[in-house]
Amino acid sequence: MKHYYPAIFSPKGSGLEGYELEFPDVPGCFTMGDDIDECHWMAQDALGLMLDGIDEKDYPVPSNVNDVDLSDSPEGSFVSLVCFDKEKYDAAVKNPIKAAGRRVGLNAKQTAKLLGAPYRTVKSWFKGTRQPPPWIERLVVEKIQNSY
């Protein structure tokens, strides 16, 4: 099921590029990114972390986007809805390599080429029949994310 939460995007201060983001309806849920697209992607991940372990029926009720108060926000701030798809988030947690590849539009064959890894190995990672050690998995995900 998809859940839509209003988020406040604010330009980073002190001449830094990028945006900070907070969810008024999910206390303590905030993130940042170097641009709007990255901030939006990070927002979905932040929501997943905050809502993990909570039954969906107990998720915070989202505010109406028009009711979000920006009076205390920095100049240039705006409100936008962020979609949290629990099924997609759970799939990404279970198979982060496949999720990273899909996020940037790569299939298993393209990912193998990018990594210089055997296609059969990467294909088994995408299928979930094998996974590398966690430290390798983190490096692979980082390489995929930084490739595009």
C-alpha atoms as a PDB file:
ATOM      1  CA  MET A   1       0.000   0.000   0.000  1.00  0.00           C
ATOM      2  CA  LYS A   2       1.194   3.496  -0.789  1.00  0.00           C
ATOM      3  CA  HIS A   3       1.193   6.289   1.781  1.00  0.00           C
ATOM      4  CA  TYR A   4       1.635   9.968   0.920  1.00  0.00           C
ATOM      5  CA  TYR A   5       3.159  12.356   3.437  1.00  0.00           C
ATOM      6  CA  PRO A   6       3.739  16.084   3.033  1.00  0.00           C
ATOM      7  CA  ALA A   7       7.399  17.005   3.367  1.00  0.00           C
ATOM      8  CA  ILE A   8       9.024  20.385   3.842  1.00  0.00           C
ATOM      9  CA  PHE A   9      11.979  20.870   1.479  1.00  0.00           C
ATOM     10  CA  SER A  10      14.304  23.676   2.584  1.00  0.00           C
ATOM     11  CA  PRO A  11      17.451  24.922   0.864  1.00  0.00           C
ATOM     12  CA  LYS A  12      20.587  24.073   2.840  1.00  0.00           C
ATOM     13  CA  GLY A  13      21.949  27.075   4.679  1.00  0.00           C
ATOM     14  CA  SER A  14      25.339  28.804   4.607  1.00  0.00           C
ATOM     15  CA  GLY A  15      25.670  28.763   0.816  1.00  0.00           C
ATOM     16  CA  LEU A  16      25.640  24.948   0.611  1.00  0.00           C
ATOM     17  CA  GLU A  17      23.912  23.306  -2.330  1.00  0.00           C
ATOM     18  CA  GLY A  18      21.047  20.905  -1.845  1.00  0.00           C
ATOM     19  CA  TYR A  19      18.016  20.527   0.349  1.00  0.00           C
ATOM     20  CA  GLU A  20      17.061  19.455   3.824  1.00  0.00           C
ATOM     21  CA  LEU A  21      13.733  17.734   4.320  1.00  0.00           C
ATOM     22  CA  GLU A  22      11.459  17.047   7.250  1.00  0.00           C
ATOM     23  CA  PHE A  23       8.117  15.320   7.698  1.00  0.00           C
ATOM     24  CA  PRO A  24       5.855  17.285  10.059  1.00  0.00           C
ATOM     25  CA  ASP A  25       3.642  14.209  10.592  1.00  0.00           C
ATOM     26  CA  VAL A  26       6.490  11.819  11.434  1.00  0.00           C
ATOM     27  CA  PRO A  27       8.420  13.288  14.384  1.00  0.00           C
ATOM     28  CA  GLY A  28      12.189  12.928  14.077  1.00  0.00           C
ATOM     29  CA  CYS A  29      12.024  11.994  10.388  1.00  0.00           C
ATOM     30  CA  PHE A  30      14.356  14.169   8.356  1.00  0.00           C
ATOM     31  CA  THR A  31      17.047  13.819   5.709  1.00  0.00           C
ATOM     32  CA  MET A  32      18.926  15.797   3.075  1.00  0.00           C
ATOM     33  CA  GLY A  33      20.243  15.533  -0.454  1.00  0.00           C
ATOM     34  CA  ASP A  34      22.506  17.327  -2.915  1.00  0.00           C
ATOM     35  CA  ASP A  35      19.530  18.126  -5.159  1.00  0.00           C
ATOM     36  CA  ILE A  36      15.758  17.710  -5.123  1.00  0.00           C
ATOM     37  CA  ASP A  37      15.838  14.269  -6.768  1.00  0.00           C
ATOM     38  CA  GLU A  38      18.353  12.866  -4.283  1.00  0.00           C
ATOM     39  CA  CYS A  39      16.513  14.458  -1.367  1.00  0.00           C
ATOM     40  CA  HIS A  40      13.247  12.934  -2.573  1.00  0.00           C
ATOM     41  CA  TRP A  41      14.837   9.477  -2.835  1.00  0.00           C
ATOM     42  CA  MET A  42      16.427   9.849   0.611  1.00  0.00           C
ATOM     43  CA  ALA A  43      13.037  10.919   1.979  1.00  0.00           C
ATOM     44  CA  GLN A  44      11.486   7.610   0.983  1.00  0.00           C
ATOM     45  CA  ASP A  45      14.322   5.767   2.710  1.00  0.00           C
ATOM     46  CA  ALA A  46      13.984   7.919   5.837  1.00  0.00           C
ATOM     47  CA  LEU A  47      10.255   7.187   5.986  1.00  0.00           C
ATOM     48  CA  GLY A  48      10.979   3.482   5.641  1.00  0.00           C
ATOM     49  CA  LEU A  49      13.394   3.580   8.548  1.00  0.00           C
ATOM     50  CA  MET A  50      10.980   5.500  10.762  1.00  0.00           C
ATOM     51  CA  LEU A  51       7.952   3.350   9.915  1.00  0.00           C
ATOM     52  CA  ASP A  52       9.766   0.006  10.001  1.00  0.00           C
ATOM     53  CA  GLY A  53       8.256  -2.292  12.590  1.00  0.00           C
ATOM     54  CA  ILE A  54       5.021  -0.303  12.842  1.00  0.00           C
ATOM     55  CA  ASP A  55       1.829  -1.936  11.610  1.00  0.00           C
ATOM     56  CA  GLU A  56       0.495   0.013   8.617  1.00  0.00           C
ATOM     57  CA  LYS A  57      -2.802   0.666  10.383  1.00  0.00           C
ATOM     58  CA  ASP A  58      -0.794   2.520  13.062  1.00  0.00           C
ATOM     59  CA  TYR A  59       1.126   4.795  10.648  1.00  0.00           C
ATOM     60  CA  PRO A  60       0.794   8.503  11.433  1.00  0.00           C
ATOM     61  CA  VAL A  61      -2.098  10.173   9.668  1.00  0.00           C
ATOM     62  CA  PRO A  62      -0.766  12.543   6.990  1.00  0.00           C
ATOM     63  CA  SER A  63      -1.753  16.193   7.051  1.00  0.00           C
ATOM     64  CA  ASN A  64      -3.340  17.943   4.136  1.00  0.00           C
ATOM     65  CA  VAL A  65      -0.493  19.431   2.104  1.00  0.00           C
ATOM     66  CA  ASN A  66      -2.288  22.816   2.148  1.00  0.00           C
ATOM     67  CA  ASP A  67      -2.319  22.827   5.960  1.00  0.00           C
ATOM     68  CA  VAL A  68       1.470  22.557   6.419  1.00  0.00           C
ATOM     69  CA  ASP A  69       2.823  25.712   8.048  1.00  0.00           C
ATOM     70  CA  LEU A  70       6.002  27.133   6.483  1.00  0.00           C
ATOM     71  CA  SER A  71       6.173  30.258   8.658  1.00  0.00           C
ATOM     72  CA  ASP A  72       9.190  28.950  10.633  1.00  0.00           C
ATOM     73  CA  SER A  73      10.927  27.503   7.547  1.00  0.00           C
ATOM     74  CA  PRO A  74      13.801  29.194   5.706  1.00  0.00           C
ATOM     75  CA  GLU A  75      13.115  31.309   2.631  1.00  0.00           C
ATOM     76  CA  GLY A  76      12.726  29.170  -0.476  1.00  0.00           C
ATOM     77  CA  SER A  77      11.129  26.258   1.402  1.00  0.00           C
ATOM     78  CA  PHE A  78       8.214  24.418  -0.150  1.00  0.00           C
ATOM     79  CA  VAL A  79       5.939  21.480   0.587  1.00  0.00           C
ATOM     80  CA  SER A  80       5.626  18.420  -1.612  1.00  0.00           C
ATOM     81  CA  LEU A  81       4.076  15.011  -1.138  1.00  0.00           C
ATOM     82  CA  VAL A  82       6.406  12.043  -0.783  1.00  0.00           C
ATOM     83  CA  CYS A  83       5.091   8.590  -1.563  1.00  0.00           C
ATOM     84  CA  PHE A  84       6.116   5.716   0.667  1.00  0.00           C
ATOM     85  CA  ASP A  85       5.445   2.286  -0.815  1.00  0.00           C
ATOM     86  CA  LYS A  86       5.930  -0.304   1.920  1.00  0.00           C
ATOM     87  CA  GLU A  87       6.153  -3.220  -0.531  1.00  0.00           C
ATOM     88  CA  LYS A  88       8.911  -1.547  -2.561  1.00  0.00           C
ATOM     89  CA  TYR A  89      10.746  -0.538   0.596  1.00  0.00           C
ATOM     90  CA  ASP A  90      10.619  -4.061   2.000  1.00  0.00           C
ATOM     91  CA  ALA A  91      11.875  -5.466  -1.326  1.00  0.00           C
ATOM     92  CA  ALA A  92      14.775  -2.990  -1.330  1.00  0.00           C
ATOM     93  CA  VAL A  93      15.725  -3.934   2.223  1.00  0.00           C
ATOM     94  CA  LYS A  94      15.729  -7.626   1.295  1.00  0.00           C
ATOM     95  CA  ASN A  95      17.635  -7.119  -1.977  1.00  0.00           C
ATOM     96  CA  PRO A  96      19.510  -3.787  -1.966  1.00  0.00           C
ATOM     97  CA  ILE A  97      21.629  -4.593  -5.047  1.00  0.00           C
ATOM     98  CA  LYS A  98      18.592  -5.242  -7.226  1.00  0.00           C
ATOM     99  CA  ALA A  99      16.832  -2.189  -5.796  1.00  0.00           C
ATOM    100  CA  ALA A 100      19.853   0.046  -6.499  1.00  0.00           C
ATOM    101  CA  GLY A 101      20.087  -1.266 -10.052  1.00  0.00           C
ATOM    102  CA  ARG A 102      16.399  -0.744 -10.716  1.00  0.00           C
ATOM    103  CA  ARG A 103      16.545   2.743  -9.199  1.00  0.00           C
ATOM    104  CA  VAL A 104      19.069   3.840 -11.827  1.00  0.00           C
ATOM    105  CA  GLY A 105      17.494   1.758 -14.601  1.00  0.00           C
ATOM    106  CA  LEU A 106      19.970  -1.136 -14.801  1.00  0.00           C
ATOM    107  CA  ASN A 107      19.119  -4.788 -15.266  1.00  0.00           C
ATOM    108  CA  ALA A 108      21.392  -7.632 -14.098  1.00  0.00           C
ATOM    109  CA  LYS A 109      23.389  -7.730 -17.348  1.00  0.00           C
ATOM    110  CA  GLN A 110      24.021  -3.972 -17.331  1.00  0.00           C
ATOM    111  CA  THR A 111      24.941  -4.075 -13.647  1.00  0.00           C
ATOM    112  CA  ALA A 112      27.435  -6.900 -14.273  1.00  0.00           C
ATOM    113  CA  LYS A 113      29.051  -4.845 -17.033  1.00  0.00           C
ATOM    114  CA  LEU A 114      29.237  -1.774 -14.789  1.00  0.00           C
ATOM    115  CA  LEU A 115      30.859  -3.782 -11.987  1.00  0.00           C
ATOM    116  CA  GLY A 116      33.086  -5.871 -14.247  1.00  0.00           C
ATOM    117  CA  ALA A 117      31.561  -8.888 -12.504  1.00  0.00           C
ATOM    118  CA  PRO A 118      30.418 -12.228 -13.938  1.00  0.00           C
ATOM    119  CA  TYR A 119      26.870 -11.980 -15.265  1.00  0.00           C
ATOM    120  CA  ARG A 120      25.811 -15.235 -13.573  1.00  0.00           C
ATOM    121  CA  THR A 121      26.909 -13.898 -10.191  1.00  0.00           C
ATOM    122  CA  VAL A 122      25.043 -10.614 -10.563  1.00  0.00           C
ATOM    123  CA  LYS A 123      21.991 -12.428 -11.946  1.00  0.00           C
ATOM    124  CA  SER A 124      21.905 -14.605  -8.827  1.00  0.00           C
ATOM    125  CA  TRP A 125      22.110 -11.438  -6.694  1.00  0.00           C
ATOM    126  CA  PHE A 126      19.174  -9.926  -8.581  1.00  0.00           C
ATOM    127  CA  LYS A 127      17.160 -13.150  -8.178  1.00  0.00           C
ATOM    128  CA  GLY A 128      18.014 -13.293  -4.470  1.00  0.00           C
ATOM    129  CA  THR A 129      19.385 -16.839  -4.689  1.00  0.00           C
ATOM    130  CA  ARG A 130      22.819 -15.650  -3.535  1.00  0.00           C
ATOM    131  CA  GLN A 131      24.060 -12.533  -1.805  1.00  0.00           C
ATOM    132  CA  PRO A 132      27.580 -11.244  -1.291  1.00  0.00           C
ATOM    133  CA  PRO A 133      28.928 -10.519   2.191  1.00  0.00           C
ATOM    134  CA  PRO A 134      27.398  -7.337   3.657  1.00  0.00           C
ATOM    135  CA  TRP A 135      30.555  -5.242   3.162  1.00  0.00           C
ATOM    136  CA  ILE A 136      30.687  -6.192  -0.539  1.00  0.00           C
ATOM    137  CA  GLU A 137      26.964  -5.544  -0.876  1.00  0.00           C
ATOM    138  CA  ARG A 138      27.438  -2.001   0.487  1.00  0.00           C
ATOM    139  CA  LEU A 139      30.302  -1.339  -1.976  1.00  0.00           C
ATOM    140  CA  VAL A 140      28.277  -2.669  -4.906  1.00  0.00           C
ATOM    141  CA  VAL A 141      25.224  -0.558  -4.011  1.00  0.00           C
ATOM    142  CA  GLU A 142      27.430   2.518  -3.637  1.00  0.00           C
ATOM    143  CA  LYS A 143      29.070   1.878  -7.024  1.00  0.00           C
ATOM    144  CA  ILE A 144      25.662   1.511  -8.688  1.00  0.00           C
ATOM    145  CA  GLN A 145      24.280   4.657  -7.063  1.00  0.00           C
ATOM    146  CA  ASN A 146      27.344   6.716  -7.985  1.00  0.00           C
ATOM    147  CA  SER A 147      27.286   5.541 -11.591  1.00  0.00           C
ATOM    148  CA  TYR A 148      24.325   7.660 -12.592  1.00  0.00           C
END
